[in-house]
PDB file of all heavy atoms in Angstrom:
ATOM      1  N   ALA A   1     170.449 130.428 135.598  1.00  0.00           N
ATOM      2  CA  ALA A   1     171.804 130.498 136.164  1.00  0.00           C
ATOM      3  C   ALA A   1     172.155 129.307 137.055  1.00  0.00           C
ATOM      4  O   ALA A   1     173.290 128.817 136.979  1.00  0.00           O
ATOM      5  CB  ALA A   1     171.974 131.805 136.934  1.00  0.00           C
ATOM      6  N   PRO A   2     171.252 128.805 137.905  1.00  0.00           N
ATOM      7  CA  PRO A   2     171.635 127.656 138.735  1.00  0.00           C
ATOM      8  C   PRO A   2     172.032 126.422 137.915  1.00  0.00           C
ATOM      9  O   PRO A   2     173.037 125.778 138.206  1.00  0.00           O
ATOM     10  CB  PRO A   2     170.380 127.382 139.573  1.00  0.00           C
ATOM     11  CG  PRO A   2     169.693 128.701 139.654  1.00  0.00           C
ATOM     12  CD  PRO A   2     169.927 129.332 138.308  1.00  0.00           C
ATOM     13  N   MET A   3     171.274 126.121 136.861  1.00  0.00           N
ATOM     14  CA  MET A   3     171.627 124.945 136.055  1.00  0.00           C
ATOM     15  C   MET A   3     172.861 125.202 135.210  1.00  0.00           C
ATOM     16  O   MET A   3     173.671 124.297 134.996  1.00  0.00           O
ATOM     17  CB  MET A   3     170.455 124.513 135.179  1.00  0.00           C
ATOM     18  CG  MET A   3     170.698 123.185 134.474  1.00  0.00           C
ATOM     19  SD  MET A   3     171.221 121.813 135.554  1.00  0.00           S
ATOM     20  CE  MET A   3     169.725 121.484 136.434  1.00  0.00           C
ATOM     21  N   LEU A   4     173.047 126.421 134.756  1.00  0.00           N
ATOM     22  CA  LEU A   4     174.277 126.750 134.038  1.00  0.00           C
ATOM     23  C   LEU A   4     175.487 126.546 134.946  1.00  0.00           C
ATOM     24  O   LEU A   4     176.530 126.055 134.509  1.00  0.00           O
ATOM     25  CB  LEU A   4     174.227 128.185 133.517  1.00  0.00           C
ATOM     26  CG  LEU A   4     173.216 128.440 132.391  1.00  0.00           C
ATOM     27  CD1 LEU A   4     173.112 129.938 132.118  1.00  0.00           C
ATOM     28  CD2 LEU A   4     173.585 127.677 131.137  1.00  0.00           C
ATOM     29  N   ALA A   5     175.353 126.896 136.226  1.00  0.00           N
ATOM     30  CA  ALA A   5     176.444 126.700 137.190  1.00  0.00           C
ATOM     31  C   ALA A   5     176.712 125.214 137.404  1.00  0.00           C
ATOM     32  O   ALA A   5     177.874 124.796 137.493  1.00  0.00           O
ATOM     33  CB  ALA A   5     176.103 127.380 138.514  1.00  0.00           C
ATOM     34  N   VAL A   6     175.656 124.413 137.492  1.00  0.00           N
ATOM     35  CA  VAL A   6     175.819 122.960 137.631  1.00  0.00           C
ATOM     36  C   VAL A   6     176.562 122.412 136.418  1.00  0.00           C
ATOM     37  O   VAL A   6     177.511 121.635 136.559  1.00  0.00           O
ATOM     38  CB  VAL A   6     174.448 122.254 137.795  1.00  0.00           C
ATOM     39  CG1 VAL A   6     174.576 120.748 137.615  1.00  0.00           C
ATOM     40  CG2 VAL A   6     173.838 122.578 139.144  1.00  0.00           C
ATOM     41  N   ASN A   7     176.136 122.815 135.226  1.00  0.00           N
ATOM     42  CA  ASN A   7     176.776 122.311 134.016  1.00  0.00           C
ATOM     43  C   ASN A   7     178.235 122.743 133.913  1.00  0.00           C
ATOM     44  O   ASN A   7     179.081 121.965 133.471  1.00  0.00           O
ATOM     45  CB  ASN A   7     175.982 122.740 132.784  1.00  0.00           C
ATOM     46  CG  ASN A   7     174.681 121.979 132.678  1.00  0.00           C
ATOM     47  OD1 ASN A   7     174.549 120.860 133.155  1.00  0.00           O
ATOM     48  ND2 ASN A   7     173.696 122.594 132.055  1.00  0.00           N
ATOM     49  N   GLU A   8     178.528 123.956 134.334  1.00  0.00           N
ATOM     50  CA  GLU A   8     179.929 124.401 134.345  1.00  0.00           C
ATOM     51  C   GLU A   8     180.736 123.553 135.322  1.00  0.00           C
ATOM     52  O   GLU A   8     181.844 123.128 135.017  1.00  0.00           O
ATOM     53  CB  GLU A   8     180.007 125.880 134.719  1.00  0.00           C
ATOM     54  CG  GLU A   8     181.411 126.434 134.657  1.00  0.00           C
ATOM     55  CD  GLU A   8     181.476 127.918 134.957  1.00  0.00           C
ATOM     56  OE1 GLU A   8     180.453 128.612 134.777  1.00  0.00           O
ATOM     57  OE2 GLU A   8     182.549 128.373 135.394  1.00  0.00           O
ATOM     58  N   TRP A   9     180.186 123.277 136.496  1.00  0.00           N
ATOM     59  CA  TRP A   9     180.858 122.452 137.497  1.00  0.00           C
ATOM     60  C   TRP A   9     181.131 121.049 136.951  1.00  0.00           C
ATOM     61  O   TRP A   9     182.165 120.452 137.232  1.00  0.00           O
ATOM     62  CB  TRP A   9     180.004 122.377 138.765  1.00  0.00           C
ATOM     63  CG  TRP A   9     180.603 121.565 139.860  1.00  0.00           C
ATOM     64  CD1 TRP A   9     181.537 121.971 140.771  1.00  0.00           C
ATOM     65  CD2 TRP A   9     180.305 120.206 140.178  1.00  0.00           C
ATOM     66  NE1 TRP A   9     181.841 120.939 141.633  1.00  0.00           N
ATOM     67  CE2 TRP A   9     181.088 119.840 141.283  1.00  0.00           C
ATOM     68  CE3 TRP A   9     179.441 119.260 139.623  1.00  0.00           C
ATOM     69  CZ2 TRP A   9     181.042 118.581 141.853  1.00  0.00           C
ATOM     70  CZ3 TRP A   9     179.397 118.000 140.186  1.00  0.00           C
ATOM     71  CH2 TRP A   9     180.193 117.674 141.288  1.00  0.00           C
ATOM     72  N   LEU A  10     180.203 120.533 136.140  1.00  0.00           N
ATOM     73  CA  LEU A  10     180.352 119.205 135.552  1.00  0.00           C
ATOM     74  C   LEU A  10     181.323 119.178 134.371  1.00  0.00           C
ATOM     75  O   LEU A  10     181.683 118.111 133.892  1.00  0.00           O
ATOM     76  CB  LEU A  10     178.988 118.674 135.098  1.00  0.00           C
ATOM     77  CG  LEU A  10     178.042 118.298 136.229  1.00  0.00           C
ATOM     78  CD1 LEU A  10     176.636 118.078 135.695  1.00  0.00           C
ATOM     79  CD2 LEU A  10     178.545 117.065 136.963  1.00  0.00           C
ATOM     80  N   GLY A  11     181.738 120.354 133.901  1.00  0.00           N
ATOM     81  CA  GLY A  11     182.704 120.415 132.818  1.00  0.00           C
ATOM     82  C   GLY A  11     182.121 120.662 131.438  1.00  0.00           C
ATOM     83  O   GLY A  11     182.846 120.597 130.446  1.00  0.00           O
ATOM     84  N   TYR A  12     180.828 120.943 131.373  1.00  0.00           N
ATOM     85  CA  TYR A  12     180.241 121.284 130.076  1.00  0.00           C
ATOM     86  C   TYR A  12     180.785 122.630 129.615  1.00  0.00           C
ATOM     87  O   TYR A  12     181.123 123.481 130.422  1.00  0.00           O
ATOM     88  CB  TYR A  12     178.713 121.404 130.190  1.00  0.00           C
ATOM     89  CG  TYR A  12     177.971 120.098 130.227  1.00  0.00           C
ATOM     90  CD1 TYR A  12     177.563 119.551 131.439  1.00  0.00           C
ATOM     91  CD2 TYR A  12     177.637 119.423 129.060  1.00  0.00           C
ATOM     92  CE1 TYR A  12     176.843 118.360 131.480  1.00  0.00           C
ATOM     93  CE2 TYR A  12     176.924 118.245 129.090  1.00  0.00           C
ATOM     94  CZ  TYR A  12     176.532 117.714 130.300  1.00  0.00           C
ATOM     95  OH  TYR A  12     175.825 116.541 130.347  1.00  0.00           O
ATOM     96  N   HIS A  13     180.827 122.821 128.310  1.00  0.00           N
ATOM     97  CA  HIS A  13     181.191 124.122 127.755  1.00  0.00           C
ATOM     98  C   HIS A  13     180.270 124.441 126.581  1.00  0.00           C
ATOM     99  O   HIS A  13     179.767 123.536 125.918  1.00  0.00           O
ATOM    100  CB  HIS A  13     182.665 124.178 127.340  1.00  0.00           C
ATOM    101  CG  HIS A  13     183.022 123.187 126.282  1.00  0.00           C
ATOM    102  ND1 HIS A  13     183.368 121.887 126.571  1.00  0.00           N
ATOM    103  CD2 HIS A  13     183.075 123.290 124.935  1.00  0.00           C
ATOM    104  CE1 HIS A  13     183.618 121.239 125.451  1.00  0.00           C
ATOM    105  NE2 HIS A  13     183.446 122.063 124.441  1.00  0.00           N
ATOM    106  N   GLU A  14     180.054 125.719 126.351  1.00  0.00           N
ATOM    107  CA  GLU A  14     179.136 126.149 125.301  1.00  0.00           C
ATOM    108  C   GLU A  14     179.731 125.861 123.935  1.00  0.00           C
ATOM    109  O   GLU A  14     180.880 126.188 123.664  1.00  0.00           O
ATOM    110  CB  GLU A  14     178.849 127.643 125.433  1.00  0.00           C
ATOM    111  CG  GLU A  14     177.822 128.139 124.446  1.00  0.00           C
ATOM    112  CD  GLU A  14     177.494 129.606 124.631  1.00  0.00           C
ATOM    113  OE1 GLU A  14     177.267 130.044 125.772  1.00  0.00           O
ATOM    114  OE2 GLU A  14     177.460 130.307 123.600  1.00  0.00           O
ATOM    115  N   THR A  15     178.918 125.237 123.089  1.00  0.00           N
ATOM    116  CA  THR A  15     179.368 124.963 121.730  1.00  0.00           C
ATOM    117  C   THR A  15     178.463 125.605 120.690  1.00  0.00           C
ATOM    118  O   THR A  15     178.860 125.756 119.542  1.00  0.00           O
ATOM    119  CB  THR A  15     179.422 123.449 121.445  1.00  0.00           C
ATOM    120  OG1 THR A  15     178.128 122.888 121.674  1.00  0.00           O
ATOM    121  CG2 THR A  15     180.437 122.772 122.343  1.00  0.00           C
ATOM    122  N   ALA A  16     177.245 125.968 121.068  1.00  0.00           N
ATOM    123  CA  ALA A  16     176.313 126.575 120.116  1.00  0.00           C
ATOM    124  C   ALA A  16     175.225 127.307 120.882  1.00  0.00           C
ATOM    125  O   ALA A  16     175.006 127.069 122.063  1.00  0.00           O
ATOM    126  CB  ALA A  16     175.692 125.506 119.231  1.00  0.00           C
ATOM    127  N   ARG A  17     174.544 128.191 120.184  1.00  0.00           N
ATOM    128  CA  ARG A  17     173.373 128.874 120.727  1.00  0.00           C
ATOM    129  C   ARG A  17     172.216 128.651 119.773  1.00  0.00           C
ATOM    130  O   ARG A  17     172.415 128.505 118.569  1.00  0.00           O
ATOM    131  CB  ARG A  17     173.619 130.366 120.905  1.00  0.00           C
ATOM    132  CG  ARG A  17     174.575 130.641 122.040  1.00  0.00           C
ATOM    133  CD  ARG A  17     174.543 132.074 122.429  1.00  0.00           C
ATOM    134  NE  ARG A  17     175.482 132.277 123.537  1.00  0.00           N
ATOM    135  CZ  ARG A  17     175.460 133.321 124.301  1.00  0.00           C
ATOM    136  NH1 ARG A  17     174.583 134.274 124.102  1.00  0.00           N
ATOM    137  NH2 ARG A  17     176.327 133.455 125.267  1.00  0.00           N
ATOM    138  N   GLN A  18     171.036 128.653 120.327  1.00  0.00           N
ATOM    139  CA  GLN A  18     169.839 128.419 119.526  1.00  0.00           C
ATOM    140  C   GLN A  18     168.916 129.622 119.636  1.00  0.00           C
ATOM    141  O   GLN A  18     168.745 130.180 120.717  1.00  0.00           O
ATOM    142  CB  GLN A  18     169.119 127.177 120.049  1.00  0.00           C
ATOM    143  CG  GLN A  18     167.844 126.866 119.337  1.00  0.00           C
ATOM    144  CD  GLN A  18     167.163 125.624 119.901  1.00  0.00           C
ATOM    145  OE1 GLN A  18     167.612 125.040 120.865  1.00  0.00           O
ATOM    146  NE2 GLN A  18     166.082 125.236 119.292  1.00  0.00           N
ATOM    147  N   THR A  19     168.330 129.995 118.531  1.00  0.00           N
ATOM    148  CA  THR A  19     167.335 131.061 118.521  1.00  0.00           C
ATOM    149  C   THR A  19     165.989 130.430 118.201  1.00  0.00           C
ATOM    150  O   THR A  19     165.862 129.692 117.230  1.00  0.00           O
ATOM    151  CB  THR A  19     167.659 132.125 117.458  1.00  0.00           C
ATOM    152  OG1 THR A  19     168.937 132.673 117.760  1.00  0.00           O
ATOM    153  CG2 THR A  19     166.618 133.217 117.431  1.00  0.00           C
ATOM    154  N   VAL A  20     165.012 130.706 119.034  1.00  0.00           N
ATOM    155  CA  VAL A  20     163.669 130.190 118.819  1.00  0.00           C
ATOM    156  C   VAL A  20     162.764 131.361 118.473  1.00  0.00           C
ATOM    157  O   VAL A  20     162.727 132.350 119.200  1.00  0.00           O
ATOM    158  CB  VAL A  20     163.141 129.463 120.073  1.00  0.00           C
ATOM    159  CG1 VAL A  20     161.717 128.988 119.863  1.00  0.00           C
ATOM    160  CG2 VAL A  20     164.057 128.313 120.438  1.00  0.00           C
ATOM    161  N   MET A  21     162.072 131.244 117.371  1.00  0.00           N
ATOM    162  CA  MET A  21     161.172 132.305 116.940  1.00  0.00           C
ATOM    163  C   MET A  21     159.766 131.718 116.829  1.00  0.00           C
ATOM    164  O   MET A  21     159.606 130.562 116.457  1.00  0.00           O
ATOM    165  CB  MET A  21     161.633 132.871 115.603  1.00  0.00           C
ATOM    166  CG  MET A  21     163.047 133.428 115.667  1.00  0.00           C
ATOM    167  SD  MET A  21     163.683 133.943 114.082  1.00  0.00           S
ATOM    168  CE  MET A  21     162.909 135.540 113.950  1.00  0.00           C
ATOM    169  N   THR A  22     158.782 132.518 117.171  1.00  0.00           N
ATOM    170  CA  THR A  22     157.401 132.067 117.074  1.00  0.00           C
ATOM    171  C   THR A  22     156.614 133.008 116.183  1.00  0.00           C
ATOM    172  O   THR A  22     156.992 134.166 115.997  1.00  0.00           O
ATOM    173  CB  THR A  22     156.729 131.991 118.458  1.00  0.00           C
ATOM    174  OG1 THR A  22     156.723 133.296 119.037  1.00  0.00           O
ATOM    175  CG2 THR A  22     157.479 131.043 119.378  1.00  0.00           C
ATOM    176  N   TRP A  23     155.516 132.508 115.659  1.00  0.00           N
ATOM    177  CA  TRP A  23     154.655 133.291 114.799  1.00  0.00           C
ATOM    178  C   TRP A  23     153.226 132.962 115.176  1.00  0.00           C
ATOM    179  O   TRP A  23     152.881 131.798 115.397  1.00  0.00           O
ATOM    180  CB  TRP A  23     154.921 132.928 113.347  1.00  0.00           C
ATOM    181  CG  TRP A  23     154.038 133.627 112.347  1.00  0.00           C
ATOM    182  CD1 TRP A  23     154.175 134.901 111.911  1.00  0.00           C
ATOM    183  CD2 TRP A  23     152.910 133.086 111.681  1.00  0.00           C
ATOM    184  NE1 TRP A  23     153.204 135.198 110.994  1.00  0.00           N
ATOM    185  CE2 TRP A  23     152.401 134.084 110.839  1.00  0.00           C
ATOM    186  CE3 TRP A  23     152.268 131.862 111.706  1.00  0.00           C
ATOM    187  CZ2 TRP A  23     151.291 133.905 110.042  1.00  0.00           C
ATOM    188  CZ3 TRP A  23     151.163 131.680 110.912  1.00  0.00           C
ATOM    189  CH2 TRP A  23     150.680 132.693 110.090  1.00  0.00           C
ATOM    190  N   SER A  24     152.411 133.950 115.294  1.00  0.00           N
ATOM    191  CA  SER A  24     151.014 133.770 115.630  1.00  0.00           C
ATOM    192  C   SER A  24     150.159 133.987 114.391  1.00  0.00           C
ATOM    193  O   SER A  24     150.353 134.961 113.659  1.00  0.00           O
ATOM    194  CB  SER A  24     150.606 134.767 116.722  1.00  0.00           C
ATOM    195  OG  SER A  24     149.213 134.737 116.912  1.00  0.00           O
ATOM    196  N   VAL A  25     149.219 133.102 114.157  1.00  0.00           N
ATOM    197  CA  VAL A  25     148.322 133.242 113.019  1.00  0.00           C
ATOM    198  C   VAL A  25     147.587 134.573 113.097  1.00  0.00           C
ATOM    199  O   VAL A  25     147.442 135.281 112.107  1.00  0.00           O
ATOM    200  CB  VAL A  25     147.314 132.077 112.964  1.00  0.00           C
ATOM    201  CG1 VAL A  25     146.251 132.316 111.896  1.00  0.00           C
ATOM    202  CG2 VAL A  25     148.044 130.774 112.709  1.00  0.00           C
ATOM    203  N   ASP A  26     147.129 134.934 114.289  1.00  0.00           N
ATOM    204  CA  ASP A  26     146.404 136.205 114.465  1.00  0.00           C
ATOM    205  C   ASP A  26     147.266 137.404 114.112  1.00  0.00           C
ATOM    206  O   ASP A  26     146.824 138.328 113.447  1.00  0.00           O
ATOM    207  CB  ASP A  26     145.892 136.330 115.898  1.00  0.00           C
ATOM    208  CG  ASP A  26     144.859 135.263 116.212  1.00  0.00           C
ATOM    209  OD1 ASP A  26     144.162 134.797 115.280  1.00  0.00           O
ATOM    210  OD2 ASP A  26     144.742 134.880 117.384  1.00  0.00           O
ATOM    211  N   ALA A  27     148.519 137.397 114.551  1.00  0.00           N
ATOM    212  CA  ALA A  27     149.414 138.516 114.257  1.00  0.00           C
ATOM    213  C   ALA A  27     149.748 138.546 112.780  1.00  0.00           C
ATOM    214  O   ALA A  27     149.819 139.603 112.166  1.00  0.00           O
ATOM    215  CB  ALA A  27     150.681 138.425 115.087  1.00  0.00           C
ATOM    216  N   GLY A  28     149.925 137.384 112.170  1.00  0.00           N
ATOM    217  CA  GLY A  28     150.256 137.300 110.756  1.00  0.00           C
ATOM    218  C   GLY A  28     149.122 137.746 109.849  1.00  0.00           C
ATOM    219  O   GLY A  28     149.343 138.290 108.784  1.00  0.00           O
ATOM    220  N   ALA A  29     147.873 137.536 110.283  1.00  0.00           N
ATOM    221  CA  ALA A  29     146.711 137.909 109.473  1.00  0.00           C
ATOM    222  C   ALA A  29     146.647 139.423 109.283  1.00  0.00           C
ATOM    223  O   ALA A  29     146.247 139.901 108.228  1.00  0.00           O
ATOM    224  CB  ALA A  29     145.423 137.403 110.129  1.00  0.00           C
TER     225      ALA A  29
END
């Protein structure tokens, strides 16, 4: 939230969202 507030103050606006997914070899086995 603090950096989001800084970016809003600077005039940035959201244009996209990213989803990060991980996979573990152990879980996959």
